[in-house]
Amino acid sequence: MRPKKVYLECFGCQMNAFDTEVLESMLEGEGFVISKDPSEADAILVNTCSVRENAERRAIGRLNDLSRHKGAVLAVCGCMAQRLGDRLFELVTALDIVAGPDSYAALPSAISAAVSGEGRKVLVEKDGSVTYRLRSVSGSSPSRYLSITRGCENYCSYCIVPYVRGTFRSKDACAVIEELGLLEASGTKEVTLLGQNVMAYRSEDCGFVDLLGRILEETDIERIRFLTTHPRDVDNGIFTLMAETDRICPHIHLPFQAGSDRILSIMNRGYTSSVYLDIIDRARALRPDIAFTTDIIVGFPGETEDDFEETLAMVEKVRFDSAFTFKYSPREGTKSAGLEDDVPVEVKKSRLETLNTTIQRIRMEIVAARIGSVEEILLDARVIKGEYQFLKGRTPHFRNVLVESENWNPGDTVSVVLRELSNFTFIGEEITGR
């Protein structure tokens, strides 16, 4: 009997991207073959996001589109599957399997059963002890993700994640080191450690900074990144490590969401603007060149013009490299969904435009100041821009660089001169004559 083929698609965050790799390794371990073409697949599996309503709409649309492959079992997993459960059968009539984030271990057998003609299955029971390990690594990539925590118990009032990802838990430190060994053996040079609250990591007596120390000692991974960090979890030791070694990249994604303490309290964020700014000051005292990126919401219920001005003031003080910005929209199942959404849509739109203009101005000032400098970049892919082919990479500060060179390949770590900018992307030049 020929091996069954499975086609996978992924929507959403970096955690979902890692989970999709875990699912691939699970399925391959059970004898499935991963297909790149849904028309050839015996089963189609879509990993979904539920953070915003638009993400769910896109995933449902794609599932209905994929249902045209009549011979294939259709399965959905991830946060949307957990949130909607069997309601998805009404939205996607061809659907066979619904599986939440704690049920991935059951998916290979569920898919096998569905391929054999068994009925629909819903796997959405929560298990607060589940973590997932890579058992194998498909292909070779210079830069990979690795989840070290799962779940969240912060219950920010606007966020669905604790309800769909479950309780916070950390992966065993030895398991993390073993997985890094797999990635390193496959050619990985850079690893981004993942978690909804990655700095809250704790396995027995090993905290996040302790784990980084072990990684530095026990692996040869060239670059270590991490996300996402909640301000309440920040350990000053991370900045000390960044000052001591370039292997810990000097970049932190640190969402602040709002500059108004009143709004932060309603959001249940657990810190004030002054606490946030103190983290920035401590970081820059130890690593002055550290780059910060962030998330910001405008138009949260009750946000006044003065509240919004405090957000703008925070952006000016911190000078973020970039930011993910959003207009608030109620999310079913969250605490803020019970609040009156009282900021008019046009006001939200106007505030978002003002915020983005401010962020883009500061971002351009930051990158323009780097023109002419020499930076070390890790090349991770080839890309085509118009009629030109480039190698793509990032600086340690997570800034994009394109470079033309016949001497280099993805996976090389190289030094380039940053000659010019295309929007916010550097065009680098190979250093010759050295």
Protein backbone atom coordinates (compact mmCIF):
# COMPACT_ATOMS: atom_id res chain seq x y z
CA MET A 1 0.00 0.00 0.00
CA ARG A 2 1.37 3.42 -0.94
CA PRO A 3 2.00 5.95 1.84
CA LYS A 4 -0.77 8.49 2.33
CA LYS A 5 0.03 12.05 1.28
CA VAL A 6 -0.79 15.08 3.45
CA TYR A 7 -0.78 18.70 2.35
CA LEU A 8 -0.37 21.36 5.09
CA GLU A 9 -1.05 25.10 5.12
CA CYS A 10 -0.40 27.51 7.96
CA PHE A 11 -2.07 30.79 8.95
CA GLY A 12 -1.03 33.10 11.76
CA CYS A 13 1.89 33.58 14.10
CA GLN A 14 5.36 32.11 14.40
CA MET A 15 4.02 29.63 16.99
CA ASN A 16 1.70 28.25 14.33
CA ALA A 17 4.62 28.00 11.91
CA PHE A 18 6.53 25.92 14.46
CA ASP A 19 3.45 23.80 15.24
CA THR A 20 3.10 23.07 11.54
CA GLU A 21 6.68 21.75 11.48
CA VAL A 22 5.86 19.61 14.52
CA LEU A 23 2.80 18.25 12.73
CA GLU A 24 4.91 17.43 9.69
CA SER A 25 7.40 15.51 11.85
CA MET A 26 4.54 13.66 13.61
CA LEU A 27 2.90 12.69 10.33
CA GLU A 28 6.16 11.59 8.73
CA GLY A 29 6.86 9.50 11.82
CA GLU A 30 3.55 7.71 11.23
CA GLY A 31 4.41 6.94 7.61
CA PHE A 32 2.69 9.85 5.85
CA VAL A 33 4.36 11.72 3.00
CA ILE A 34 4.23 15.52 3.04
CA SER A 35 2.89 16.83 -0.27
CA LYS A 36 3.39 20.30 -1.74
CA ASP A 37 0.30 19.98 -3.94
CA PRO A 38 -3.24 19.74 -2.46
CA SER A 39 -4.52 18.14 -5.67
CA GLU A 40 -2.31 15.10 -4.99
CA ALA A 41 -3.10 14.80 -1.28
CA ASP A 42 -5.16 12.18 0.53
CA ALA A 43 -5.60 14.67 3.38
CA ILE A 44 -5.42 18.45 3.65
CA LEU A 45 -4.59 20.04 7.00
CA VAL A 46 -4.92 23.78 7.69
CA ASN A 47 -3.41 25.29 10.85
CA THR A 48 -5.33 28.41 11.82
CA CYS A 49 -5.17 31.63 13.84
CA SER A 50 -7.93 33.17 15.95
CA VAL A 51 -6.35 36.37 17.25
CA ARG A 52 -8.43 38.58 14.97
CA GLU A 53 -11.75 38.01 13.23
CA ASN A 54 -10.21 38.70 9.83
CA ALA A 55 -7.75 35.83 10.35
CA GLU A 56 -10.66 33.46 10.91
CA ARG A 57 -12.51 34.73 7.84
CA ARG A 58 -9.44 34.14 5.69
CA ALA A 59 -8.95 30.63 7.05
CA ILE A 60 -12.61 29.68 6.55
CA GLY A 61 -12.47 31.02 3.01
CA ARG A 62 -9.35 28.99 2.29
CA LEU A 63 -10.87 25.82 3.79
CA ASN A 64 -13.91 26.19 1.56
CA ASP A 65 -11.60 26.75 -1.40
CA LEU A 66 -9.59 23.62 -0.57
CA SER A 67 -12.80 21.60 -0.27
CA ARG A 68 -12.91 21.46 -4.07
CA HIS A 69 -10.36 18.62 -3.79
CA LYS A 70 -13.17 16.11 -3.31
CA GLY A 71 -11.02 13.04 -2.76
CA ALA A 72 -9.11 14.45 0.19
CA VAL A 73 -9.93 14.43 3.89
CA LEU A 74 -10.16 18.04 5.09
CA ALA A 75 -8.88 18.85 8.58
CA VAL A 76 -8.47 22.10 10.51
CA CYS A 77 -6.36 22.62 13.61
CA GLY A 78 -5.03 25.50 15.69
CA CYS A 79 -6.62 28.34 17.60
CA MET A 80 -9.69 28.80 15.38
CA ALA A 81 -10.43 25.08 15.67
CA GLN A 82 -10.25 25.34 19.46
CA ARG A 83 -12.45 28.44 19.62
CA LEU A 84 -15.20 27.36 17.22
CA GLY A 85 -15.13 23.57 17.64
CA ASP A 86 -17.96 21.75 15.88
CA ARG A 87 -19.47 25.08 14.74
CA LEU A 88 -16.90 24.87 11.94
CA PHE A 89 -18.87 22.05 10.33
CA GLU A 90 -21.61 24.58 9.58
CA LEU A 91 -19.12 27.04 8.08
CA VAL A 92 -17.15 24.47 6.07
CA THR A 93 -19.51 21.68 5.08
CA ALA A 94 -16.77 19.46 3.62
CA LEU A 95 -14.77 19.48 6.86
CA ASP A 96 -13.86 16.10 8.42
CA ILE A 97 -11.65 16.87 11.46
CA VAL A 98 -11.43 19.73 13.96
CA ALA A 99 -8.43 19.66 16.33
CA GLY A 100 -7.33 22.20 18.95
CA PRO A 101 -3.69 23.00 19.86
CA ASP A 102 -3.56 20.40 22.67
CA SER A 103 -4.73 17.57 20.40
CA TYR A 104 -2.02 17.40 17.74
CA ALA A 105 -0.68 14.04 18.95
CA ALA A 106 -4.04 12.49 18.03
CA LEU A 107 -4.11 13.95 14.52
CA PRO A 108 -2.12 11.27 12.64
CA SER A 109 -4.48 8.50 13.77
CA ALA A 110 -7.53 10.72 13.24
CA ILE A 111 -6.43 11.48 9.68
CA SER A 112 -5.75 7.77 9.01
CA ALA A 113 -9.22 6.91 10.28
CA ALA A 114 -10.85 9.62 8.16
CA VAL A 115 -8.96 8.49 5.04
CA SER A 116 -10.35 5.00 5.73
CA GLY A 117 -13.88 6.38 5.76
CA GLU A 118 -14.68 6.95 9.42
CA GLY A 119 -16.92 9.88 10.36
CA ARG A 120 -16.20 13.39 11.53
CA LYS A 121 -14.10 14.00 14.64
CA VAL A 122 -13.76 16.93 17.04
CA LEU A 123 -10.60 16.97 19.19
CA VAL A 124 -10.66 20.06 21.38
CA GLU A 125 -10.06 18.82 24.93
CA LYS A 126 -7.51 20.95 26.74
CA ASP A 127 -4.44 19.46 28.38
CA GLY A 128 -2.38 21.89 30.45
CA SER A 129 0.67 19.61 30.39
CA VAL A 130 1.11 19.26 26.61
CA THR A 131 4.26 20.51 24.92
CA TYR A 132 5.43 19.40 21.50
CA ARG A 133 8.91 18.35 20.41
CA LEU A 134 10.43 18.14 16.98
CA ARG A 135 11.26 14.50 16.28
CA SER A 136 12.84 15.23 12.91
CA VAL A 137 13.61 18.23 10.73
CA SER A 138 12.53 18.43 7.11
CA GLY A 139 14.78 20.29 4.71
CA SER A 140 17.43 22.82 5.54
CA SER A 141 16.92 26.43 6.54
CA PRO A 142 19.43 28.90 8.01
CA SER A 143 16.76 30.35 10.32
CA ARG A 144 14.16 28.33 12.26
CA TYR A 145 11.65 28.66 15.10
CA LEU A 146 11.56 26.62 18.30
CA SER A 147 8.75 26.79 20.84
CA ILE A 148 9.89 26.67 24.48
CA THR A 149 6.58 27.60 26.14
CA ARG A 150 2.91 27.17 25.35
CA GLY A 151 -0.23 28.85 26.61
CA CYS A 152 -0.83 32.05 28.53
CA GLU A 153 -2.45 33.02 31.83
CA ASN A 154 -2.21 36.82 31.61
CA TYR A 155 -5.80 37.30 30.42
CA CYS A 156 -5.31 40.69 28.82
CA SER A 157 -8.87 41.87 28.39
CA TYR A 158 -8.74 42.05 24.57
CA CYS A 159 -6.91 38.77 23.91
CA ILE A 160 -8.32 35.37 22.96
CA VAL A 161 -5.03 33.46 23.36
CA PRO A 162 -5.48 32.17 26.96
CA TYR A 163 -8.86 30.72 25.99
CA VAL A 164 -7.59 28.84 22.95
CA ARG A 165 -3.96 28.07 23.89
CA GLY A 166 -4.61 27.06 27.48
CA THR A 167 -2.52 27.37 30.62
CA PHE A 168 1.10 28.44 30.61
CA ARG A 169 3.67 25.64 30.55
CA SER A 170 7.39 25.35 29.76
CA LYS A 171 9.27 22.69 27.84
CA ASP A 172 11.95 20.72 29.68
CA ALA A 173 15.35 22.42 29.26
CA CYS A 174 17.06 19.21 28.14
CA ALA A 175 14.39 18.76 25.47
CA VAL A 176 15.07 22.28 24.22
CA ILE A 177 18.80 21.52 23.93
CA GLU A 178 18.08 18.25 22.09
CA GLU A 179 15.81 19.99 19.59
CA LEU A 180 18.42 22.68 19.02
CA GLY A 181 20.85 19.87 18.23
CA LEU A 182 18.46 18.59 15.55
CA LEU A 183 18.16 22.05 14.05
CA GLU A 184 21.90 22.63 14.17
CA ALA A 185 22.57 19.30 12.45
CA SER A 186 20.17 20.33 9.65
CA GLY A 187 22.19 23.49 8.95
CA THR A 188 20.31 26.01 11.08
CA LYS A 189 22.42 29.03 12.06
CA GLU A 190 19.75 31.15 13.77
CA VAL A 191 16.95 30.06 16.12
CA THR A 192 14.06 32.16 17.39
CA LEU A 193 12.77 30.83 20.72
CA LEU A 194 8.99 31.15 20.88
CA GLY A 195 6.34 31.59 23.50
CA GLN A 196 3.30 33.75 24.15
CA ASN A 197 5.35 34.97 27.15
CA VAL A 198 8.77 33.60 26.34
CA MET A 199 10.68 35.23 29.22
CA ALA A 200 8.32 33.61 31.72
CA TYR A 201 9.99 30.28 30.85
CA ARG A 202 10.78 28.09 33.85
CA SER A 203 11.64 24.39 33.94
CA GLU A 204 12.34 23.30 37.52
CA ASP A 205 15.14 25.69 38.61
CA CYS A 206 15.97 26.85 35.08
CA GLY A 207 14.61 30.28 34.14
CA PHE A 208 14.81 31.97 30.76
CA VAL A 209 18.22 33.56 31.25
CA ASP A 210 19.53 30.25 32.66
CA LEU A 211 18.25 28.48 29.55
CA LEU A 212 20.03 30.97 27.31
CA GLY A 213 23.21 30.30 29.27
CA ARG A 214 22.87 26.57 28.60
CA ILE A 215 22.22 27.19 24.91
CA LEU A 216 25.36 29.32 24.68
CA GLU A 217 27.42 26.64 26.40
CA GLU A 218 25.95 23.50 24.84
CA THR A 219 25.26 24.50 21.24
CA ASP A 220 27.03 26.37 18.47
CA ILE A 221 23.93 28.17 17.19
CA GLU A 222 25.29 31.46 15.81
CA ARG A 223 22.30 33.66 16.55
CA ILE A 224 19.61 33.38 19.20
CA ARG A 225 16.42 35.44 19.05
CA PHE A 226 13.20 35.20 21.05
CA LEU A 227 9.61 36.42 21.07
CA THR A 228 7.18 37.49 22.38
CA THR A 229 8.05 39.12 25.70
CA HIS A 230 5.56 40.52 28.19
CA PRO A 231 6.95 43.53 30.10
CA ARG A 232 6.07 41.87 33.42
CA ASP A 233 8.47 38.99 32.68
CA VAL A 234 11.55 40.98 31.70
CA ASP A 235 14.71 39.88 33.50
CA ASN A 236 17.59 42.35 33.55
CA GLY A 237 19.93 39.40 33.01
CA ILE A 238 18.93 39.26 29.36
CA PHE A 239 20.43 42.68 28.75
CA THR A 240 23.62 41.65 30.53
CA LEU A 241 23.87 38.63 28.21
CA MET A 242 23.34 40.84 25.17
CA ALA A 243 26.18 43.05 26.36
CA GLU A 244 28.47 40.04 26.86
CA THR A 245 27.86 38.12 23.63
CA ASP A 246 26.76 38.92 20.11
CA ARG A 247 25.17 35.47 19.82
CA ILE A 248 22.12 36.88 21.66
CA CYS A 249 20.75 39.28 19.06
CA PRO A 250 20.22 42.84 20.35
CA HIS A 251 16.53 43.00 19.47
CA ILE A 252 13.43 42.56 21.64
CA HIS A 253 9.80 42.58 20.60
CA LEU A 254 8.13 44.14 23.64
CA PRO A 255 4.43 45.00 23.17
CA PHE A 256 3.27 48.05 25.12
CA GLN A 257 -0.22 48.33 23.54
CA ALA A 258 -1.06 51.78 24.98
CA GLY A 259 0.73 54.72 26.55
CA SER A 260 -2.09 55.60 28.94
CA ASP A 261 -1.95 54.00 32.38
CA ARG A 262 -5.75 54.16 32.58
CA ILE A 263 -6.12 52.20 29.35
CA LEU A 264 -3.36 49.77 30.34
CA SER A 265 -5.30 49.03 33.53
CA ILE A 266 -8.54 48.34 31.61
CA MET A 267 -6.51 46.11 29.29
CA ASN A 268 -5.25 44.21 32.37
CA ARG A 269 -1.65 44.54 31.19
CA GLY A 270 -0.16 44.58 34.68
CA TYR A 271 2.34 47.44 34.28
CA THR A 272 2.40 51.20 33.86
CA SER A 273 4.01 53.36 31.20
CA SER A 274 6.78 54.33 33.65
CA VAL A 275 7.56 50.66 34.33
CA TYR A 276 7.79 50.07 30.57
CA LEU A 277 10.10 53.04 30.07
CA ASP A 278 12.28 51.85 32.95
CA ILE A 279 12.80 48.53 31.09
CA ILE A 280 13.89 50.48 28.01
CA ASP A 281 16.32 52.58 30.06
CA ARG A 282 17.83 49.52 31.78
CA ALA A 283 18.28 47.77 28.44
CA ARG A 284 19.97 50.71 26.76
CA ALA A 285 22.24 51.30 29.73
CA LEU A 286 23.73 47.83 29.14
CA ARG A 287 23.32 47.56 25.36
CA PRO A 288 22.92 51.08 23.91
CA ASP A 289 22.26 49.88 20.35
CA ILE A 290 19.44 47.48 21.26
CA ALA A 291 16.47 47.58 18.86
CA PHE A 292 12.90 47.47 20.15
CA THR A 293 9.79 46.54 18.19
CA THR A 294 6.28 46.50 19.62
CA ASP A 295 2.49 46.07 19.28
CA ILE A 296 0.05 48.96 19.72
CA ILE A 297 -3.75 49.11 19.79
CA VAL A 298 -5.66 52.34 19.09
CA GLY A 299 -9.31 53.01 19.81
CA PHE A 300 -9.62 50.69 22.81
CA PRO A 301 -12.95 51.23 24.65
CA GLY A 302 -12.83 54.49 26.57
CA GLU A 303 -9.68 55.80 24.84
CA THR A 304 -9.76 59.60 24.78
CA GLU A 305 -7.67 61.96 22.69
CA ASP A 306 -5.46 62.54 25.73
CA ASP A 307 -4.96 58.77 26.11
CA PHE A 308 -3.95 58.54 22.47
CA GLU A 309 -1.50 61.45 22.87
CA GLU A 310 0.16 59.46 25.66
CA THR A 311 0.63 56.57 23.23
CA LEU A 312 2.24 58.92 20.71
CA ALA A 313 4.50 60.28 23.46
CA MET A 314 5.61 56.74 24.30
CA VAL A 315 6.50 56.11 20.66
CA GLU A 316 8.58 59.29 20.56
CA LYS A 317 10.41 58.42 23.79
CA VAL A 318 11.25 54.80 22.96
CA ARG A 319 11.90 55.22 19.20
CA PHE A 320 10.84 51.76 18.02
CA ASP A 321 12.43 50.16 14.98
CA SER A 322 8.95 49.13 13.87
CA ALA A 323 5.52 48.29 15.27
CA PHE A 324 2.49 46.18 14.54
CA THR A 325 -0.45 48.57 14.92
CA PHE A 326 -4.14 47.74 15.10
CA LYS A 327 -7.54 49.39 15.35
CA TYR A 328 -9.36 47.81 18.29
CA SER A 329 -12.19 45.46 17.42
CA PRO A 330 -14.15 43.36 19.96
CA ARG A 331 -13.19 39.69 20.11
CA GLU A 332 -15.93 37.24 21.08
CA GLY A 333 -15.04 35.43 24.29
CA THR A 334 -12.71 38.09 25.72
CA LYS A 335 -13.43 40.36 28.69
CA SER A 336 -13.28 43.56 26.64
CA ALA A 337 -16.03 42.24 24.35
CA GLY A 338 -18.40 43.20 27.16
CA LEU A 339 -17.25 46.83 27.08
CA GLU A 340 -18.92 49.46 24.95
CA ASP A 341 -16.92 49.88 21.73
CA ASP A 342 -17.35 53.64 22.01
CA VAL A 343 -14.54 55.06 19.86
CA PRO A 344 -16.01 55.83 16.41
CA VAL A 345 -14.53 53.95 13.46
CA GLU A 346 -13.39 57.17 11.76
CA VAL A 347 -11.60 58.26 14.94
CA LYS A 348 -9.85 54.89 15.16
CA LYS A 349 -8.81 55.19 11.52
CA SER A 350 -7.49 58.73 12.02
CA ARG A 351 -5.52 57.77 15.13
CA LEU A 352 -4.04 54.75 13.39
CA GLU A 353 -2.89 56.90 10.46
CA THR A 354 -1.29 59.42 12.83
CA LEU A 355 0.40 56.64 14.81
CA ASN A 356 1.74 54.93 11.69
CA THR A 357 3.07 58.20 10.30
CA THR A 358 4.96 58.81 13.54
CA ILE A 359 6.36 55.27 13.64
CA GLN A 360 7.45 55.37 10.00
CA ARG A 361 9.22 58.71 10.47
CA ILE A 362 11.20 57.41 13.44
CA ARG A 363 11.91 54.14 11.68
CA MET A 364 13.34 55.98 8.68
CA GLU A 365 15.50 58.12 10.95
CA ILE A 366 16.90 54.98 12.59
CA VAL A 367 17.72 53.12 9.39
CA ALA A 368 18.99 56.19 7.50
CA ALA A 369 21.56 56.74 10.26
CA ARG A 370 23.03 53.31 9.46
CA ILE A 371 23.84 54.09 5.81
CA GLY A 372 27.56 53.63 5.21
CA SER A 373 28.06 51.32 8.20
CA VAL A 374 29.34 47.75 8.02
CA GLU A 375 26.91 45.09 9.31
CA GLU A 376 27.07 41.33 9.70
CA ILE A 377 24.08 39.63 8.12
CA LEU A 378 22.90 36.05 7.97
CA LEU A 379 21.71 35.28 4.45
CA ASP A 380 18.54 33.18 4.52
CA ALA A 381 17.05 33.15 1.00
CA ARG A 382 17.24 34.29 -2.60
CA VAL A 383 14.65 36.81 -3.76
CA ILE A 384 13.81 38.48 -7.06
CA LYS A 385 13.03 42.20 -7.13
CA GLY A 386 12.07 43.28 -10.62
CA GLU A 387 14.80 42.16 -12.99
CA TYR A 388 17.37 41.70 -10.22
CA GLN A 389 18.13 38.70 -8.01
CA PHE A 390 19.30 39.32 -4.47
CA LEU A 391 20.30 37.40 -1.41
CA LYS A 392 18.16 38.36 1.59
CA GLY A 393 19.22 38.54 5.20
CA ARG A 394 18.92 40.44 8.47
CA THR A 395 21.25 42.33 10.70
CA PRO A 396 21.47 41.22 14.34
CA HIS A 397 19.00 44.05 15.07
CA PHE A 398 16.41 42.38 12.77
CA ARG A 399 16.76 44.93 9.96
CA ASN A 400 16.27 43.69 6.40
CA VAL A 401 19.18 43.67 3.93
CA LEU A 402 19.36 42.72 0.25
CA VAL A 403 22.73 42.11 -1.41
CA GLU A 404 23.92 41.08 -4.86
CA SER A 405 26.81 38.62 -4.84
CA GLU A 406 27.90 35.59 -6.83
CA ASN A 407 30.22 34.53 -4.03
CA TRP A 408 27.63 33.85 -1.33
CA ASN A 409 24.71 31.52 -0.66
CA PRO A 410 21.85 31.26 1.85
CA GLY A 411 23.32 30.18 5.18
CA ASP A 412 26.43 32.34 4.87
CA THR A 413 27.12 34.94 7.55
CA VAL A 414 28.80 37.88 5.84
CA SER A 415 29.83 41.49 6.39
CA VAL A 416 28.42 44.11 4.01
CA VAL A 417 28.41 47.87 3.65
CA LEU A 418 24.89 49.31 3.86
CA ARG A 419 24.94 51.52 0.75
CA GLU A 420 21.32 52.67 0.31
CA LEU A 421 17.70 52.12 1.24
CA SER A 422 14.72 50.81 -0.68
CA ASN A 423 11.82 51.84 1.56
CA PHE A 424 13.04 50.41 4.88
CA THR A 425 15.23 47.67 3.40
CA PHE A 426 18.96 48.16 3.13
CA ILE A 427 20.79 47.44 -0.10
CA GLY A 428 24.14 46.02 0.97
CA GLU A 429 27.38 45.74 -0.95
CA GLU A 430 30.00 43.04 -0.67
CA ILE A 431 33.22 44.26 0.86
CA THR A 432 36.08 43.65 -1.57
CA GLY A 433 39.82 44.01 -1.31
CA ARG A 434 40.06 42.90 2.32
